[in-house]
Amino acid sequence: MRVLAVDPGLTRCGVGVVDGVPGRKLSLVEVGVIRTPAGDPTPKRLVAVEDEMRQWFARHRPEAVAIERVFADTNVSTVMGTAQVTGIVMIMAERLGLPVTLHTPTEVKAAVSGSGRADKAQVTTMVTRLLGLATPPKPADAADALALAICHVWRGGTQSRLEDARLEVLARSGSRGSGIPRRVPPGAAPAQRRLRAASDAVTRQPPPIPTRQPAASPTRQTPGAQPR
């Protein structure tokens, strides 16, 4: 599974792409940081982030997207920028039909280092070791993005595949003849979307019209005849 992970930020946005499956060795595909000048207007900075993120999606064609969950902070402007970048990434992933998962910083630290209270140096050390890198990834935003990708492969990836498999089974068993293929071709919509479409199609079908039986015509009797 190929995961594109984003440590969102308006000034520095960490992006990392990792290949791997639970229980096997992980491999780094690419890591980097998207930067925007703090003096530029916010709309211009958001467009710059979107343009670069679009290139990341096109270049690596990920199967899943992981984003660090926004948490409360005393610096409102920082939280706003982080939330805005998160929204951009989520919209792009949704348009491509990619599943998006949010992971908290504590969850990521626990998955990578075994402790939810690990500091950035410990996380960077573990990321370097797990991916077999010659040098630690820098800056910290890049290391955080890779830690996020590793967390998703180990935790979110398995759950996502199980859920997709469950929905595929439901779609096939509950909507025979709906046109949903047994094997999903490349570029097909996610199972959730296909199941929703199949359910909507069933809901839109008009109810069957009851067949009216013709009323029995009254039996005419000949005067004086006995009824049978």
C-alpha atoms as a PDB file:
ATOM      1  CA  MET A   1       0.000   0.000   0.000  1.00  0.00           C
ATOM      2  CA  ARG A   2       1.261   3.458  -0.854  1.00  0.00           C
ATOM      3  CA  VAL A   3       0.419   6.167   1.671  1.00  0.00           C
ATOM      4  CA  LEU A   4       0.759   9.902   1.166  1.00  0.00           C
ATOM      5  CA  ALA A   5       0.983  11.562   4.575  1.00  0.00           C
ATOM      6  CA  VAL A   6       0.693  15.271   5.292  1.00  0.00           C
ATOM      7  CA  ASP A   7       1.810  17.191   8.363  1.00  0.00           C
ATOM      8  CA  PRO A   8      -0.296  20.276   7.539  1.00  0.00           C
ATOM      9  CA  GLY A   9       0.990  23.808   7.938  1.00  0.00           C
ATOM     10  CA  LEU A  10       0.821  27.037   5.996  1.00  0.00           C
ATOM     11  CA  THR A  11       4.445  28.099   6.414  1.00  0.00           C
ATOM     12  CA  ARG A  12       5.868  24.558   6.323  1.00  0.00           C
ATOM     13  CA  CYS A  13       3.806  21.570   5.200  1.00  0.00           C
ATOM     14  CA  GLY A  14       5.542  18.229   5.555  1.00  0.00           C
ATOM     15  CA  VAL A  15       4.752  15.600   2.923  1.00  0.00           C
ATOM     16  CA  GLY A  16       5.931  12.000   2.905  1.00  0.00           C
ATOM     17  CA  VAL A  17       5.170   8.976   0.735  1.00  0.00           C
ATOM     18  CA  VAL A  18       5.820   5.474   2.055  1.00  0.00           C
ATOM     19  CA  ASP A  19       5.248   2.002   0.618  1.00  0.00           C
ATOM     20  CA  GLY A  20       4.535  -0.911   2.910  1.00  0.00           C
ATOM     21  CA  VAL A  21       2.140  -3.373   4.502  1.00  0.00           C
ATOM     22  CA  PRO A  22       1.809  -4.376   8.162  1.00  0.00           C
ATOM     23  CA  GLY A  23       4.461  -6.847   9.242  1.00  0.00           C
ATOM     24  CA  ARG A  24       6.867  -6.131   6.393  1.00  0.00           C
ATOM     25  CA  LYS A  25       9.707  -3.731   5.786  1.00  0.00           C
ATOM     26  CA  LEU A  26       8.706  -0.193   4.892  1.00  0.00           C
ATOM     27  CA  SER A  27      10.319   1.814   2.123  1.00  0.00           C
ATOM     28  CA  LEU A  28      10.609   5.540   1.567  1.00  0.00           C
ATOM     29  CA  VAL A  29       9.355   6.857  -1.764  1.00  0.00           C
ATOM     30  CA  GLU A  30       9.797  10.606  -1.282  1.00  0.00           C
ATOM     31  CA  VAL A  31       9.734  13.190   1.455  1.00  0.00           C
ATOM     32  CA  GLY A  32       9.731  16.965   1.346  1.00  0.00           C
ATOM     33  CA  VAL A  33       8.350  20.202   2.722  1.00  0.00           C
ATOM     34  CA  ILE A  34       6.064  22.666   0.959  1.00  0.00           C
ATOM     35  CA  ARG A  35       6.912  26.218   2.018  1.00  0.00           C
ATOM     36  CA  THR A  36       5.048  29.482   1.499  1.00  0.00           C
ATOM     37  CA  PRO A  37       6.268  33.011   2.376  1.00  0.00           C
ATOM     38  CA  ALA A  38       4.711  34.306   5.585  1.00  0.00           C
ATOM     39  CA  GLY A  39       4.379  37.780   4.049  1.00  0.00           C
ATOM     40  CA  ASP A  40       2.122  36.651   1.179  1.00  0.00           C
ATOM     41  CA  PRO A  41      -1.677  36.923   1.437  1.00  0.00           C
ATOM     42  CA  THR A  42      -3.330  33.769   2.768  1.00  0.00           C
ATOM     43  CA  PRO A  43      -5.278  33.006  -0.440  1.00  0.00           C
ATOM     44  CA  LYS A  44      -2.068  33.132  -2.477  1.00  0.00           C
ATOM     45  CA  ARG A  45      -0.310  30.828  -0.001  1.00  0.00           C
ATOM     46  CA  LEU A  46      -3.175  28.327  -0.097  1.00  0.00           C
ATOM     47  CA  VAL A  47      -3.079  28.250  -3.894  1.00  0.00           C
ATOM     48  CA  ALA A  48       0.675  27.589  -3.759  1.00  0.00           C
ATOM     49  CA  VAL A  49       0.135  24.671  -1.368  1.00  0.00           C
ATOM     50  CA  GLU A  50      -2.601  23.258  -3.574  1.00  0.00           C
ATOM     51  CA  ASP A  51      -0.451  23.495  -6.709  1.00  0.00           C
ATOM     52  CA  GLU A  52       2.400  21.575  -5.107  1.00  0.00           C
ATOM     53  CA  MET A  53       0.124  19.023  -3.465  1.00  0.00           C
ATOM     54  CA  ARG A  54      -1.446  18.342  -6.855  1.00  0.00           C
ATOM     55  CA  GLN A  55       2.000  17.447  -8.177  1.00  0.00           C
ATOM     56  CA  TRP A  56       2.590  15.056  -5.266  1.00  0.00           C
ATOM     57  CA  PHE A  57      -0.677  13.247  -5.976  1.00  0.00           C
ATOM     58  CA  ALA A  58       0.022  13.037  -9.714  1.00  0.00           C
ATOM     59  CA  ARG A  59       3.619  11.936  -9.257  1.00  0.00           C
ATOM     60  CA  HIS A  60       3.038   9.133  -6.751  1.00  0.00           C
ATOM     61  CA  ARG A  61      -0.607   8.059  -7.187  1.00  0.00           C
ATOM     62  CA  PRO A  62      -1.142   7.034  -3.532  1.00  0.00           C
ATOM     63  CA  GLU A  63      -3.731   4.504  -2.414  1.00  0.00           C
ATOM     64  CA  ALA A  64      -4.499   6.277   0.859  1.00  0.00           C
ATOM     65  CA  VAL A  65      -3.995   9.665   2.473  1.00  0.00           C
ATOM     66  CA  ALA A  66      -3.113  10.281   6.119  1.00  0.00           C
ATOM     67  CA  ILE A  67      -3.271  13.711   7.748  1.00  0.00           C
ATOM     68  CA  GLU A  68      -2.264  14.799  11.220  1.00  0.00           C
ATOM     69  CA  ARG A  69      -5.352  15.855  13.138  1.00  0.00           C
ATOM     70  CA  VAL A  70      -5.562  19.543  14.028  1.00  0.00           C
ATOM     71  CA  PHE A  71      -5.456  20.156  17.773  1.00  0.00           C
ATOM     72  CA  ALA A  72      -6.160  23.241  19.866  1.00  0.00           C
ATOM     73  CA  ASP A  73      -3.356  25.707  20.313  1.00  0.00           C
ATOM     74  CA  THR A  74      -2.908  29.129  21.846  1.00  0.00           C
ATOM     75  CA  ASN A  75      -1.741  30.494  18.490  1.00  0.00           C
ATOM     76  CA  VAL A  76      -5.031  30.946  16.620  1.00  0.00           C
ATOM     77  CA  SER A  77      -3.373  31.956  13.338  1.00  0.00           C
ATOM     78  CA  THR A  78      -1.313  28.742  13.321  1.00  0.00           C
ATOM     79  CA  VAL A  79      -4.385  26.596  13.946  1.00  0.00           C
ATOM     80  CA  MET A  80      -6.303  28.396  11.199  1.00  0.00           C
ATOM     81  CA  GLY A  81      -3.528  27.850   8.658  1.00  0.00           C
ATOM     82  CA  THR A  82      -3.210  24.196   9.620  1.00  0.00           C
ATOM     83  CA  ALA A  83      -6.960  23.663   9.286  1.00  0.00           C
ATOM     84  CA  GLN A  84      -7.055  25.403   5.904  1.00  0.00           C
ATOM     85  CA  VAL A  85      -4.277  23.215   4.498  1.00  0.00           C
ATOM     86  CA  THR A  86      -5.988  20.137   5.931  1.00  0.00           C
ATOM     87  CA  GLY A  87      -9.150  21.084   4.066  1.00  0.00           C
ATOM     88  CA  ILE A  88      -7.276  21.458   0.781  1.00  0.00           C
ATOM     89  CA  VAL A  89      -5.690  18.011   1.084  1.00  0.00           C
ATOM     90  CA  MET A  90      -8.992  16.389   2.050  1.00  0.00           C
ATOM     91  CA  ILE A  91     -10.795  17.920  -0.935  1.00  0.00           C
ATOM     92  CA  MET A  92      -8.096  16.772  -3.356  1.00  0.00           C
ATOM     93  CA  ALA A  93      -8.133  13.236  -1.949  1.00  0.00           C
ATOM     94  CA  GLU A  94     -11.933  13.050  -2.089  1.00  0.00           C
ATOM     95  CA  ARG A  95     -11.989  14.157  -5.717  1.00  0.00           C
ATOM     96  CA  LEU A  96      -9.560  11.358  -6.519  1.00  0.00           C
ATOM     97  CA  GLY A  97     -11.648   8.825  -4.595  1.00  0.00           C
ATOM     98  CA  LEU A  98      -8.914   8.197  -2.013  1.00  0.00           C
ATOM     99  CA  PRO A  99      -9.670   7.290   1.609  1.00  0.00           C
ATOM    100  CA  VAL A 100      -8.557   9.913   4.132  1.00  0.00           C
ATOM    101  CA  THR A 101      -7.640   9.153   7.742  1.00  0.00           C
ATOM    102  CA  LEU A 102      -6.764  11.604  10.511  1.00  0.00           C
ATOM    103  CA  HIS A 103      -4.264  10.543  13.172  1.00  0.00           C
ATOM    104  CA  THR A 104      -3.509  12.443  16.370  1.00  0.00           C
ATOM    105  CA  PRO A 105       0.101  13.331  17.246  1.00  0.00           C
ATOM    106  CA  THR A 106      -0.084  11.064  20.297  1.00  0.00           C
ATOM    107  CA  GLU A 107      -1.275   8.158  18.153  1.00  0.00           C
ATOM    108  CA  VAL A 108       1.581   8.682  15.701  1.00  0.00           C
ATOM    109  CA  LYS A 109       4.222   8.866  18.433  1.00  0.00           C
ATOM    110  CA  ALA A 110       2.914   5.711  20.097  1.00  0.00           C
ATOM    111  CA  ALA A 111       2.853   3.796  16.816  1.00  0.00           C
ATOM    112  CA  VAL A 112       6.403   4.747  15.843  1.00  0.00           C
ATOM    113  CA  SER A 113       8.250   4.868  19.162  1.00  0.00           C
ATOM    114  CA  GLY A 114       5.990   2.964  21.552  1.00  0.00           C
ATOM    115  CA  SER A 115       5.334   6.044  23.670  1.00  0.00           C
ATOM    116  CA  GLY A 116       2.737   8.740  23.110  1.00  0.00           C
ATOM    117  CA  ARG A 117       5.010  11.184  24.958  1.00  0.00           C
ATOM    118  CA  ALA A 118       8.080  10.742  22.751  1.00  0.00           C
ATOM    119  CA  ASP A 119       9.805  13.966  21.718  1.00  0.00           C
ATOM    120  CA  LYS A 120      10.659  14.947  18.158  1.00  0.00           C
ATOM    121  CA  ALA A 121      14.216  13.645  18.415  1.00  0.00           C
ATOM    122  CA  GLN A 122      13.002  10.187  19.441  1.00  0.00           C
ATOM    123  CA  VAL A 123      10.417  10.121  16.646  1.00  0.00           C
ATOM    124  CA  THR A 124      13.028  11.156  14.076  1.00  0.00           C
ATOM    125  CA  THR A 125      15.418   8.453  15.303  1.00  0.00           C
ATOM    126  CA  MET A 126      12.759   5.753  14.986  1.00  0.00           C
ATOM    127  CA  VAL A 127      11.649   6.955  11.552  1.00  0.00           C
ATOM    128  CA  THR A 128      15.264   6.818  10.358  1.00  0.00           C
ATOM    129  CA  ARG A 129      15.652   3.287  11.689  1.00  0.00           C
ATOM    130  CA  LEU A 130      12.318   1.934  10.453  1.00  0.00           C
ATOM    131  CA  LEU A 131      12.823   3.227   6.915  1.00  0.00           C
ATOM    132  CA  GLY A 132      16.517   2.288   6.828  1.00  0.00           C
ATOM    133  CA  LEU A 133      17.652   5.805   5.996  1.00  0.00           C
ATOM    134  CA  ALA A 134      21.316   6.786   5.935  1.00  0.00           C
ATOM    135  CA  THR A 135      20.603  10.194   7.484  1.00  0.00           C
ATOM    136  CA  PRO A 136      17.691  11.519   9.572  1.00  0.00           C
ATOM    137  CA  PRO A 137      15.025  13.348   7.536  1.00  0.00           C
ATOM    138  CA  LYS A 138      15.053  17.124   8.033  1.00  0.00           C
ATOM    139  CA  PRO A 139      13.394  19.406   8.955  1.00  0.00           C
ATOM    140  CA  ALA A 140      11.122  18.081  11.698  1.00  0.00           C
ATOM    141  CA  ASP A 141       8.044  18.568   9.479  1.00  0.00           C
ATOM    142  CA  ALA A 142       9.431  16.002   7.022  1.00  0.00           C
ATOM    143  CA  ALA A 143      10.134  13.493   9.790  1.00  0.00           C
ATOM    144  CA  ASP A 144       6.637  14.027  11.202  1.00  0.00           C
ATOM    145  CA  ALA A 145       5.072  13.324   7.800  1.00  0.00           C
ATOM    146  CA  LEU A 146       6.996  10.056   7.489  1.00  0.00           C
ATOM    147  CA  ALA A 147       6.028   9.052  11.031  1.00  0.00           C
ATOM    148  CA  LEU A 148       2.418   9.713  10.085  1.00  0.00           C
ATOM    149  CA  ALA A 149       2.713   7.500   7.002  1.00  0.00           C
ATOM    150  CA  ILE A 150       4.263   4.680   9.049  1.00  0.00           C
ATOM    151  CA  CYS A 151       1.476   4.977  11.614  1.00  0.00           C
ATOM    152  CA  HIS A 152      -1.163   4.699   8.907  1.00  0.00           C
ATOM    153  CA  VAL A 153       0.427   1.646   7.301  1.00  0.00           C
ATOM    154  CA  TRP A 154       0.582  -0.149  10.642  1.00  0.00           C
ATOM    155  CA  ARG A 155      -2.756   0.962  12.096  1.00  0.00           C
ATOM    156  CA  GLY A 156      -5.076   2.583   9.616  1.00  0.00           C
ATOM    157  CA  GLY A 157      -4.157   0.503   6.596  1.00  0.00           C
ATOM    158  CA  THR A 158      -5.386  -2.796   7.982  1.00  0.00           C
ATOM    159  CA  GLN A 159      -8.681  -1.321   9.177  1.00  0.00           C
ATOM    160  CA  SER A 160      -9.262   0.381   5.835  1.00  0.00           C
ATOM    161  CA  ARG A 161      -8.748  -2.843   3.863  1.00  0.00           C
ATOM    162  CA  LEU A 162     -11.027  -4.803   6.170  1.00  0.00           C
ATOM    163  CA  GLU A 163     -13.758  -2.193   5.823  1.00  0.00           C
ATOM    164  CA  ASP A 164     -13.416  -2.132   2.033  1.00  0.00           C
ATOM    165  CA  ALA A 165     -13.619  -5.920   1.907  1.00  0.00           C
ATOM    166  CA  ARG A 166     -16.718  -5.924   4.102  1.00  0.00           C
ATOM    167  CA  LEU A 167     -18.435  -3.340   1.918  1.00  0.00           C
ATOM    168  CA  GLU A 168     -17.527  -5.263  -1.242  1.00  0.00           C
ATOM    169  CA  VAL A 169     -19.171  -8.387   0.157  1.00  0.00           C
ATOM    170  CA  LEU A 170     -22.287  -6.427   1.140  1.00  0.00           C
ATOM    171  CA  ALA A 171     -22.470  -4.783  -2.266  1.00  0.00           C
ATOM    172  CA  ARG A 172     -22.223  -8.106  -4.105  1.00  0.00           C
ATOM    173  CA  SER A 173     -24.640 -10.010  -1.897  1.00  0.00           C
ATOM    174  CA  GLY A 174     -27.255  -7.277  -1.509  1.00  0.00           C
ATOM    175  CA  SER A 175     -27.303  -5.856  -5.053  1.00  0.00           C
ATOM    176  CA  ARG A 176     -27.084  -8.731  -7.511  1.00  0.00           C
ATOM    177  CA  GLY A 177     -27.092  -7.520 -11.057  1.00  0.00           C
ATOM    178  CA  SER A 178     -26.229  -3.970  -9.996  1.00  0.00           C
ATOM    179  CA  GLY A 179     -23.139  -3.935 -12.203  1.00  0.00           C
ATOM    180  CA  ILE A 180     -20.620  -3.866  -9.332  1.00  0.00           C
ATOM    181  CA  PRO A 181     -17.652  -5.989 -10.471  1.00  0.00           C
ATOM    182  CA  ARG A 182     -16.157  -8.699  -8.314  1.00  0.00           C
ATOM    183  CA  ARG A 183     -12.671  -7.337  -8.947  1.00  0.00           C
ATOM    184  CA  VAL A 184     -12.223  -3.585  -8.759  1.00  0.00           C
ATOM    185  CA  PRO A 185     -10.540  -2.182 -11.892  1.00  0.00           C
ATOM    186  CA  PRO A 186      -7.854   0.535 -11.579  1.00  0.00           C
ATOM    187  CA  GLY A 187      -9.338   3.967 -11.092  1.00  0.00           C
ATOM    188  CA  ALA A 188     -12.675   2.655  -9.845  1.00  0.00           C
ATOM    189  CA  ALA A 189     -14.500   4.525  -7.107  1.00  0.00           C
ATOM    190  CA  PRO A 190     -13.973   3.304  -3.529  1.00  0.00           C
ATOM    191  CA  ALA A 191     -16.188   0.537  -2.214  1.00  0.00           C
ATOM    192  CA  GLN A 192     -18.036   2.974   0.058  1.00  0.00           C
ATOM    193  CA  ARG A 193     -19.060   5.118  -2.901  1.00  0.00           C
ATOM    194  CA  ARG A 194     -20.076   2.139  -5.033  1.00  0.00           C
ATOM    195  CA  LEU A 195     -22.154   0.698  -2.198  1.00  0.00           C
ATOM    196  CA  ARG A 196     -23.856   4.057  -1.636  1.00  0.00           C
ATOM    197  CA  ALA A 197     -24.661   4.331  -5.345  1.00  0.00           C
ATOM    198  CA  ALA A 198     -26.063   0.797  -5.425  1.00  0.00           C
ATOM    199  CA  SER A 199     -28.209   1.503  -2.379  1.00  0.00           C
ATOM    200  CA  ASP A 200     -29.512   4.726  -3.917  1.00  0.00           C
ATOM    201  CA  ALA A 201     -30.395   2.887  -7.125  1.00  0.00           C
ATOM    202  CA  VAL A 202     -32.417   0.353  -5.181  1.00  0.00           C
ATOM    203  CA  THR A 203     -34.143   3.128  -3.233  1.00  0.00           C
ATOM    204  CA  ARG A 204     -35.092   5.004  -6.391  1.00  0.00           C
ATOM    205  CA  GLN A 205     -36.851   2.013  -7.956  1.00  0.00           C
ATOM    206  CA  PRO A 206     -40.641   2.611  -8.004  1.00  0.00           C
ATOM    207  CA  PRO A 207     -42.757   0.225  -5.925  1.00  0.00           C
ATOM    208  CA  PRO A 208     -44.464  -2.539  -7.881  1.00  0.00           C
ATOM    209  CA  ILE A 209     -47.984  -1.673  -9.051  1.00  0.00           C
ATOM    210  CA  PRO A 210     -50.479  -4.238  -7.750  1.00  0.00           C
ATOM    211  CA  THR A 211     -52.300  -6.119 -10.468  1.00  0.00           C
ATOM    212  CA  ARG A 212     -56.013  -5.582 -10.381  1.00  0.00           C
ATOM    213  CA  GLN A 213     -58.180  -8.629 -10.914  1.00  0.00           C
ATOM    214  CA  PRO A 214     -61.218  -7.948 -13.123  1.00  0.00           C
ATOM    215  CA  ALA A 215     -64.417  -7.766 -11.125  1.00  0.00           C
ATOM    216  CA  ALA A 216     -66.625 -10.807 -11.536  1.00  0.00           C
ATOM    217  CA  SER A 217     -69.703 -10.064 -13.595  1.00  0.00           C
ATOM    218  CA  PRO A 218     -72.993 -10.804 -11.861  1.00  0.00           C
ATOM    219  CA  THR A 219     -74.563 -14.120 -12.770  1.00  0.00           C
ATOM    220  CA  ARG A 220     -77.782 -13.783 -14.609  1.00  0.00           C
ATOM    221  CA  GLN A 221     -80.398 -16.334 -13.757  1.00  0.00           C
ATOM    222  CA  THR A 222     -83.255 -17.433 -15.973  1.00  0.00           C
ATOM    223  CA  PRO A 223     -86.567 -16.914 -14.302  1.00  0.00           C
ATOM    224  CA  GLY A 224     -87.612 -20.097 -12.659  1.00  0.00           C
ATOM    225  CA  ALA A 225     -84.145 -21.706 -12.895  1.00  0.00           C
ATOM    226  CA  GLN A 226     -82.567 -23.153  -9.793  1.00  0.00           C
ATOM    227  CA  PRO A 227     -79.180 -21.820  -8.742  1.00  0.00           C
ATOM    228  CA  ARG A 228     -76.310 -24.288  -9.138  1.00  0.00           C
END
